[in-house]
Amino acid sequence: MQQRKLFRSSTILARYSGMALELFIFLMILFYLGKKLDSLLSNKKPFLAIAAMVLGLTGYLYKVYRDSSIKNIK
């Protein structure tokens, strides 16, 4: 019983650590692409980079919400 709880807690920890790394990489890619678009459009401030990160974060949080909803937990 104790080993089962330990295994479950370590898999949950690995799952959420992986999600954090995935989110970080996703946001850095969006920032890079937004920064490139800002430079192509000659924007002095990174409006598109920030907008891309906000939209990406919103979409990712929605994905996490959908994945962790009560209906999907088995």
PDB file of N, CA and C in Angstrom:
ATOM      1  N   MET A   1       0.822  -1.193   0.000  1.00  0.00           N
ATOM      2  CA  MET A   1       0.000   0.000   0.000  1.00  0.00           C
ATOM      3  C   MET A   1       0.866   1.256   0.000  1.00  0.00           C
ATOM      4  N   GLN A   2       1.906   1.264   0.870  1.00  0.00           N
ATOM      5  CA  GLN A   2       2.784   2.427   0.964  1.00  0.00           C
ATOM      6  C   GLN A   2       3.536   2.641  -0.355  1.00  0.00           C
ATOM      7  N   GLN A   3       3.977   1.553  -0.969  1.00  0.00           N
ATOM      8  CA  GLN A   3       4.713   1.671  -2.227  1.00  0.00           C
ATOM      9  C   GLN A   3       3.799   2.194  -3.334  1.00  0.00           C
ATOM     10  N   ARG A   4       2.549   1.815  -3.329  1.00  0.00           N
ATOM     11  CA  ARG A   4       1.598   2.288  -4.330  1.00  0.00           C
ATOM     12  C   ARG A   4       1.405   3.801  -4.204  1.00  0.00           C
ATOM     13  N   LYS A   5       1.271   4.322  -2.977  1.00  0.00           N
ATOM     14  CA  LYS A   5       1.125   5.756  -2.772  1.00  0.00           C
ATOM     15  C   LYS A   5       2.377   6.497  -3.217  1.00  0.00           C
ATOM     16  N   LEU A   6       3.553   5.941  -2.889  1.00  0.00           N
ATOM     17  CA  LEU A   6       4.811   6.567  -3.283  1.00  0.00           C
ATOM     18  C   LEU A   6       4.934   6.609  -4.802  1.00  0.00           C
ATOM     19  N   PHE A   7       4.570   5.530  -5.463  1.00  0.00           N
ATOM     20  CA  PHE A   7       4.631   5.492  -6.929  1.00  0.00           C
ATOM     21  C   PHE A   7       3.677   6.513  -7.527  1.00  0.00           C
ATOM     22  N   ARG A   8       2.480   6.621  -6.974  1.00  0.00           N
ATOM     23  CA  ARG A   8       1.498   7.556  -7.496  1.00  0.00           C
ATOM     24  C   ARG A   8       1.957   8.996  -7.303  1.00  0.00           C
ATOM     25  N   SER A   9       2.515   9.313  -6.140  1.00  0.00           N
ATOM     26  CA  SER A   9       2.961  10.687  -5.902  1.00  0.00           C
ATOM     27  C   SER A   9       4.146  11.044  -6.787  1.00  0.00           C
ATOM     28  N   SER A  10       5.028  10.104  -7.063  1.00  0.00           N
ATOM     29  CA  SER A  10       6.171  10.407  -7.929  1.00  0.00           C
ATOM     30  C   SER A  10       5.739  10.575  -9.386  1.00  0.00           C
ATOM     31  N   THR A  11       4.738   9.831  -9.823  1.00  0.00           N
ATOM     32  CA  THR A  11       4.261  10.016 -11.192  1.00  0.00           C
ATOM     33  C   THR A  11       3.516  11.332 -11.343  1.00  0.00           C
ATOM     34  N   ILE A  12       2.789  11.736 -10.298  1.00  0.00           N
ATOM     35  CA  ILE A  12       2.106  13.029 -10.341  1.00  0.00           C
ATOM     36  C   ILE A  12       3.128  14.150 -10.375  1.00  0.00           C
ATOM     37  N   LEU A  13       4.183  14.027  -9.568  1.00  0.00           N
ATOM     38  CA  LEU A  13       5.243  15.033  -9.557  1.00  0.00           C
ATOM     39  C   LEU A  13       5.920  15.125 -10.924  1.00  0.00           C
ATOM     40  N   ALA A  14       6.202  13.998 -11.520  1.00  0.00           N
ATOM     41  CA  ALA A  14       6.823  13.991 -12.846  1.00  0.00           C
ATOM     42  C   ALA A  14       5.888  14.597 -13.888  1.00  0.00           C
ATOM     43  N   ARG A  15       4.613  14.323 -13.758  1.00  0.00           N
ATOM     44  CA  ARG A  15       3.635  14.856 -14.716  1.00  0.00           C
ATOM     45  C   ARG A  15       3.601  16.383 -14.662  1.00  0.00           C
ATOM     46  N   TYR A  16       3.525  16.932 -13.447  1.00  0.00           N
ATOM     47  CA  TYR A  16       3.448  18.384 -13.319  1.00  0.00           C
ATOM     48  C   TYR A  16       4.776  19.064 -13.623  1.00  0.00           C
ATOM     49  N   SER A  17       5.884  18.407 -13.345  1.00  0.00           N
ATOM     50  CA  SER A  17       7.183  18.961 -13.727  1.00  0.00           C
ATOM     51  C   SER A  17       7.307  19.015 -15.246  1.00  0.00           C
ATOM     52  N   GLY A  18       6.837  17.994 -15.897  1.00  0.00           N
ATOM     53  CA  GLY A  18       6.849  17.976 -17.356  1.00  0.00           C
ATOM     54  C   GLY A  18       5.958  19.051 -17.943  1.00  0.00           C
ATOM     55  N   MET A  19       4.813  19.290 -17.304  1.00  0.00           N
ATOM     56  CA  MET A  19       3.912  20.338 -17.775  1.00  0.00           C
ATOM     57  C   MET A  19       4.562  21.713 -17.637  1.00  0.00           C
ATOM     58  N   ALA A  20       5.291  21.936 -16.547  1.00  0.00           N
ATOM     59  CA  ALA A  20       5.958  23.223 -16.331  1.00  0.00           C
ATOM     60  C   ALA A  20       7.040  23.447 -17.385  1.00  0.00           C
ATOM     61  N   LEU A  21       7.813  22.416 -17.670  1.00  0.00           N
ATOM     62  CA  LEU A  21       8.845  22.532 -18.690  1.00  0.00           C
ATOM     63  C   LEU A  21       8.225  22.760 -20.071  1.00  0.00           C
ATOM     64  N   GLU A  22       7.160  22.047 -20.355  1.00  0.00           N
ATOM     65  CA  GLU A  22       6.465  22.210 -21.627  1.00  0.00           C
ATOM     66  C   GLU A  22       5.922  23.634 -21.779  1.00  0.00           C
ATOM     67  N   LEU A  23       5.345  24.169 -20.723  1.00  0.00           N
ATOM     68  CA  LEU A  23       4.816  25.530 -20.761  1.00  0.00           C
ATOM     69  C   LEU A  23       5.934  26.542 -20.967  1.00  0.00           C
ATOM     70  N   PHE A  24       7.047  26.374 -20.271  1.00  0.00           N
ATOM     71  CA  PHE A  24       8.172  27.293 -20.406  1.00  0.00           C
ATOM     72  C   PHE A  24       8.707  27.309 -21.840  1.00  0.00           C
ATOM     73  N   ILE A  25       8.918  26.139 -22.408  1.00  0.00           N
ATOM     74  CA  ILE A  25       9.437  26.058 -23.778  1.00  0.00           C
ATOM     75  C   ILE A  25       8.431  26.637 -24.768  1.00  0.00           C
ATOM     76  N   PHE A  26       7.158  26.342 -24.575  1.00  0.00           N
ATOM     77  CA  PHE A  26       6.099  26.853 -25.447  1.00  0.00           C
ATOM     78  C   PHE A  26       6.071  28.383 -25.425  1.00  0.00           C
ATOM     79  N   LEU A  27       6.159  28.970 -24.225  1.00  0.00           N
ATOM     80  CA  LEU A  27       6.130  30.428 -24.118  1.00  0.00           C
ATOM     81  C   LEU A  27       7.385  31.061 -24.715  1.00  0.00           C
ATOM     82  N   MET A  28       8.532  30.430 -24.574  1.00  0.00           N
ATOM     83  CA  MET A  28       9.756  30.978 -25.163  1.00  0.00           C
ATOM     84  C   MET A  28       9.698  30.939 -26.692  1.00  0.00           C
ATOM     85  N   ILE A  29       9.131  29.888 -27.244  1.00  0.00           N
ATOM     86  CA  ILE A  29       8.975  29.807 -28.699  1.00  0.00           C
ATOM     87  C   ILE A  29       8.015  30.892 -29.186  1.00  0.00           C
ATOM     88  N   LEU A  30       6.910  31.072 -28.469  1.00  0.00           N
ATOM     89  CA  LEU A  30       5.953  32.120 -28.852  1.00  0.00           C
ATOM     90  C   LEU A  30       6.573  33.508 -28.740  1.00  0.00           C
ATOM     91  N   PHE A  31       7.369  33.733 -27.705  1.00  0.00           N
ATOM     92  CA  PHE A  31       8.034  35.027 -27.552  1.00  0.00           C
ATOM     93  C   PHE A  31       9.007  35.265 -28.703  1.00  0.00           C
ATOM     94  N   TYR A  32       9.764  34.239 -29.063  1.00  0.00           N
ATOM     95  CA  TYR A  32      10.718  34.363 -30.171  1.00  0.00           C
ATOM     96  C   TYR A  32       9.997  34.681 -31.478  1.00  0.00           C
ATOM     97  N   LEU A  33       8.923  33.967 -31.758  1.00  0.00           N
ATOM     98  CA  LEU A  33       8.177  34.221 -32.994  1.00  0.00           C
ATOM     99  C   LEU A  33       7.533  35.608 -32.979  1.00  0.00           C
ATOM    100  N   GLY A  34       6.997  36.015 -31.845  1.00  0.00           N
ATOM    101  CA  GLY A  34       6.423  37.352 -31.727  1.00  0.00           C
ATOM    102  C   GLY A  34       7.468  38.435 -31.894  1.00  0.00           C
ATOM    103  N   LYS A  35       8.650  38.208 -31.334  1.00  0.00           N
ATOM    104  CA  LYS A  35       9.749  39.170 -31.470  1.00  0.00           C
ATOM    105  C   LYS A  35      10.183  39.292 -32.932  1.00  0.00           C
ATOM    106  N   LYS A  36      10.237  38.173 -33.634  1.00  0.00           N
ATOM    107  CA  LYS A  36      10.576  38.206 -35.071  1.00  0.00           C
ATOM    108  C   LYS A  36       9.526  38.985 -35.855  1.00  0.00           C
ATOM    109  N   LEU A  37       8.253  38.763 -35.548  1.00  0.00           N
ATOM    110  CA  LEU A  37       7.190  39.507 -36.228  1.00  0.00           C
ATOM    111  C   LEU A  37       7.263  40.999 -35.912  1.00  0.00           C
ATOM    112  N   ASP A  38       7.589  41.321 -34.658  1.00  0.00           N
ATOM    113  CA  ASP A  38       7.748  42.722 -34.287  1.00  0.00           C
ATOM    114  C   ASP A  38       8.885  43.373 -35.077  1.00  0.00           C
ATOM    115  N   SER A  39       9.970  42.644 -35.259  1.00  0.00           N
ATOM    116  CA  SER A  39      11.089  43.222 -36.015  1.00  0.00           C
ATOM    117  C   SER A  39      10.758  43.340 -37.507  1.00  0.00           C
ATOM    118  N   LEU A  40       9.990  42.396 -38.037  1.00  0.00           N
ATOM    119  CA  LEU A  40       9.584  42.493 -39.440  1.00  0.00           C
ATOM    120  C   LEU A  40       8.639  43.673 -39.673  1.00  0.00           C
ATOM    121  N   LEU A  41       7.795  43.953 -38.702  1.00  0.00           N
ATOM    122  CA  LEU A  41       6.843  45.055 -38.827  1.00  0.00           C
ATOM    123  C   LEU A  41       7.395  46.373 -38.272  1.00  0.00           C
ATOM    124  N   SER A  42       8.646  46.370 -37.857  1.00  0.00           N
ATOM    125  CA  SER A  42       9.350  47.545 -37.327  1.00  0.00           C
ATOM    126  C   SER A  42       8.669  48.143 -36.100  1.00  0.00           C
ATOM    127  N   ASN A  43       8.162  47.292 -35.235  1.00  0.00           N
ATOM    128  CA  ASN A  43       7.591  47.762 -33.977  1.00  0.00           C
ATOM    129  C   ASN A  43       8.726  48.039 -32.997  1.00  0.00           C
ATOM    130  N   LYS A  44       8.683  49.191 -32.335  1.00  0.00           N
ATOM    131  CA  LYS A  44       9.730  49.515 -31.373  1.00  0.00           C
ATOM    132  C   LYS A  44       9.522  48.790 -30.052  1.00  0.00           C
ATOM    133  N   LYS A  45       8.293  48.484 -29.726  1.00  0.00           N
ATOM    134  CA  LYS A  45       7.979  47.746 -28.502  1.00  0.00           C
ATOM    135  C   LYS A  45       7.445  46.362 -28.884  1.00  0.00           C
ATOM    136  N   PRO A  46       7.689  45.368 -28.053  1.00  0.00           N
ATOM    137  CA  PRO A  46       7.315  43.981 -28.401  1.00  0.00           C
ATOM    138  C   PRO A  46       5.840  43.666 -28.177  1.00  0.00           C
ATOM    139  N   PHE A  47       4.969  44.372 -28.883  1.00  0.00           N
ATOM    140  CA  PHE A  47       3.528  44.139 -28.712  1.00  0.00           C
ATOM    141  C   PHE A  47       3.113  42.737 -29.143  1.00  0.00           C
ATOM    142  N   LEU A  48       3.593  42.311 -30.285  1.00  0.00           N
ATOM    143  CA  LEU A  48       3.195  40.992 -30.777  1.00  0.00           C
ATOM    144  C   LEU A  48       3.804  39.862 -29.948  1.00  0.00           C
ATOM    145  N   ALA A  49       4.992  40.075 -29.439  1.00  0.00           N
ATOM    146  CA  ALA A  49       5.621  39.052 -28.593  1.00  0.00           C
ATOM    147  C   ALA A  49       4.819  38.859 -27.317  1.00  0.00           C
ATOM    148  N   ILE A  50       4.407  39.949 -26.713  1.00  0.00           N
ATOM    149  CA  ILE A  50       3.623  39.861 -25.480  1.00  0.00           C
ATOM    150  C   ILE A  50       2.238  39.287 -25.771  1.00  0.00           C
ATOM    151  N   ALA A  51       1.624  39.721 -26.859  1.00  0.00           N
ATOM    152  CA  ALA A  51       0.304  39.207 -27.222  1.00  0.00           C
ATOM    153  C   ALA A  51       0.360  37.710 -27.503  1.00  0.00           C
ATOM    154  N   ALA A  52       1.408  37.256 -28.177  1.00  0.00           N
ATOM    155  CA  ALA A  52       1.545  35.829 -28.462  1.00  0.00           C
ATOM    156  C   ALA A  52       1.692  35.036 -27.170  1.00  0.00           C
ATOM    157  N   MET A  53       2.466  35.562 -26.221  1.00  0.00           N
ATOM    158  CA  MET A  53       2.640  34.858 -24.953  1.00  0.00           C
ATOM    159  C   MET A  53       1.347  34.817 -24.148  1.00  0.00           C
ATOM    160  N   VAL A  54       0.600  35.909 -24.138  1.00  0.00           N
ATOM    161  CA  VAL A  54      -0.663  35.934 -23.392  1.00  0.00           C
ATOM    162  C   VAL A  54      -1.670  34.967 -24.004  1.00  0.00           C
ATOM    163  N   LEU A  55      -1.776  34.977 -25.326  1.00  0.00           N
ATOM    164  CA  LEU A  55      -2.701  34.046 -25.985  1.00  0.00           C
ATOM    165  C   LEU A  55      -2.265  32.596 -25.787  1.00  0.00           C
ATOM    166  N   GLY A  56      -0.973  32.356 -25.864  1.00  0.00           N
ATOM    167  CA  GLY A  56      -0.464  31.002 -25.650  1.00  0.00           C
ATOM    168  C   GLY A  56      -0.698  30.524 -24.232  1.00  0.00           C
ATOM    169  N   LEU A  57      -0.479  31.403 -23.254  1.00  0.00           N
ATOM    170  CA  LEU A  57      -0.713  31.038 -21.862  1.00  0.00           C
ATOM    171  C   LEU A  57      -2.188  30.780 -21.600  1.00  0.00           C
ATOM    172  N   THR A  58      -3.047  31.593 -22.175  1.00  0.00           N
ATOM    173  CA  THR A  58      -4.488  31.396 -22.026  1.00  0.00           C
ATOM    174  C   THR A  58      -4.907  30.049 -22.612  1.00  0.00           C
ATOM    175  N   GLY A  59      -4.423  29.759 -23.797  1.00  0.00           N
ATOM    176  CA  GLY A  59      -4.746  28.481 -24.425  1.00  0.00           C
ATOM    177  C   GLY A  59      -4.210  27.298 -23.639  1.00  0.00           C
ATOM    178  N   TYR A  60      -2.997  27.439 -23.103  1.00  0.00           N
ATOM    179  CA  TYR A  60      -2.414  26.342 -22.330  1.00  0.00           C
ATOM    180  C   TYR A  60      -3.171  26.113 -21.027  1.00  0.00           C
ATOM    181  N   LEU A  61      -3.555  27.197 -20.362  1.00  0.00           N
ATOM    182  CA  LEU A  61      -4.328  27.043 -19.129  1.00  0.00           C
ATOM    183  C   LEU A  61      -5.693  26.415 -19.405  1.00  0.00           C
ATOM    184  N   TYR A  62      -6.288  26.732 -20.539  1.00  0.00           N
ATOM    185  CA  TYR A  62      -7.545  26.094 -20.920  1.00  0.00           C
ATOM    186  C   TYR A  62      -7.333  24.593 -21.146  1.00  0.00           C
ATOM    187  N   LYS A  63      -6.219  24.252 -21.776  1.00  0.00           N
ATOM    188  CA  LYS A  63      -5.891  22.845 -22.006  1.00  0.00           C
ATOM    189  C   LYS A  63      -5.716  22.106 -20.680  1.00  0.00           C
ATOM    190  N   VAL A  64      -5.017  22.717 -19.731  1.00  0.00           N
ATOM    191  CA  VAL A  64      -4.828  22.109 -18.417  1.00  0.00           C
ATOM    192  C   VAL A  64      -6.167  21.942 -17.713  1.00  0.00           C
ATOM    193  N   TYR A  65      -7.022  22.954 -17.818  1.00  0.00           N
ATOM    194  CA  TYR A  65      -8.353  22.866 -17.219  1.00  0.00           C
ATOM    195  C   TYR A  65      -9.143  21.707 -17.810  1.00  0.00           C
ATOM    196  N   ARG A  66      -9.109  21.576 -19.124  1.00  0.00           N
ATOM    197  CA  ARG A  66      -9.838  20.478 -19.775  1.00  0.00           C
ATOM    198  C   ARG A  66      -9.263  19.118 -19.406  1.00  0.00           C
ATOM    199  N   ASP A  67      -7.919  19.028 -19.330  1.00  0.00           N
ATOM    200  CA  ASP A  67      -7.283  17.754 -18.992  1.00  0.00           C
ATOM    201  C   ASP A  67      -7.552  17.336 -17.554  1.00  0.00           C
ATOM    202  N   SER A  68      -7.706  18.307 -16.668  1.00  0.00           N
ATOM    203  CA  SER A  68      -7.881  17.972 -15.258  1.00  0.00           C
ATOM    204  C   SER A  68      -9.333  18.038 -14.800  1.00  0.00           C
ATOM    205  N   SER A  69     -10.249  18.140 -15.727  1.00  0.00           N
ATOM    206  CA  SER A  69     -11.661  18.201 -15.327  1.00  0.00           C
ATOM    207  C   SER A  69     -12.094  16.865 -14.736  1.00  0.00           C
ATOM    208  N   ILE A  70     -13.148  16.900 -13.996  1.00  0.00           N
ATOM    209  CA  ILE A  70     -13.635  15.715 -13.284  1.00  0.00           C
ATOM    210  C   ILE A  70     -14.030  14.601 -14.254  1.00  0.00           C
ATOM    211  N   LYS A  71     -14.543  14.950 -15.410  1.00  0.00           N
ATOM    212  CA  LYS A  71     -14.994  13.941 -16.368  1.00  0.00           C
ATOM    213  C   LYS A  71     -13.835  13.102 -16.887  1.00  0.00           C
ATOM    214  N   ASN A  72     -12.644  13.695 -17.021  1.00  0.00           N
ATOM    215  CA  ASN A  72     -11.509  12.974 -17.606  1.00  0.00           C
ATOM    216  C   ASN A  72     -10.715  12.167 -16.596  1.00  0.00           C
ATOM    217  N   ILE A  73     -10.948  12.363 -15.308  1.00  0.00           N
ATOM    218  CA  ILE A  73     -10.208  11.614 -14.302  1.00  0.00           C
ATOM    219  C   ILE A  73     -10.816  10.226 -14.178  1.00  0.00           C
ATOM    220  N   LYS A  74      -9.959   9.213 -14.267  1.00  0.00           N
ATOM    221  CA  LYS A  74     -10.438   7.822 -14.182  1.00  0.00           C
ATOM    222  C   LYS A  74      -9.797   7.115 -13.025  1.00  0.00           C
TER     223      LYS A  74
END
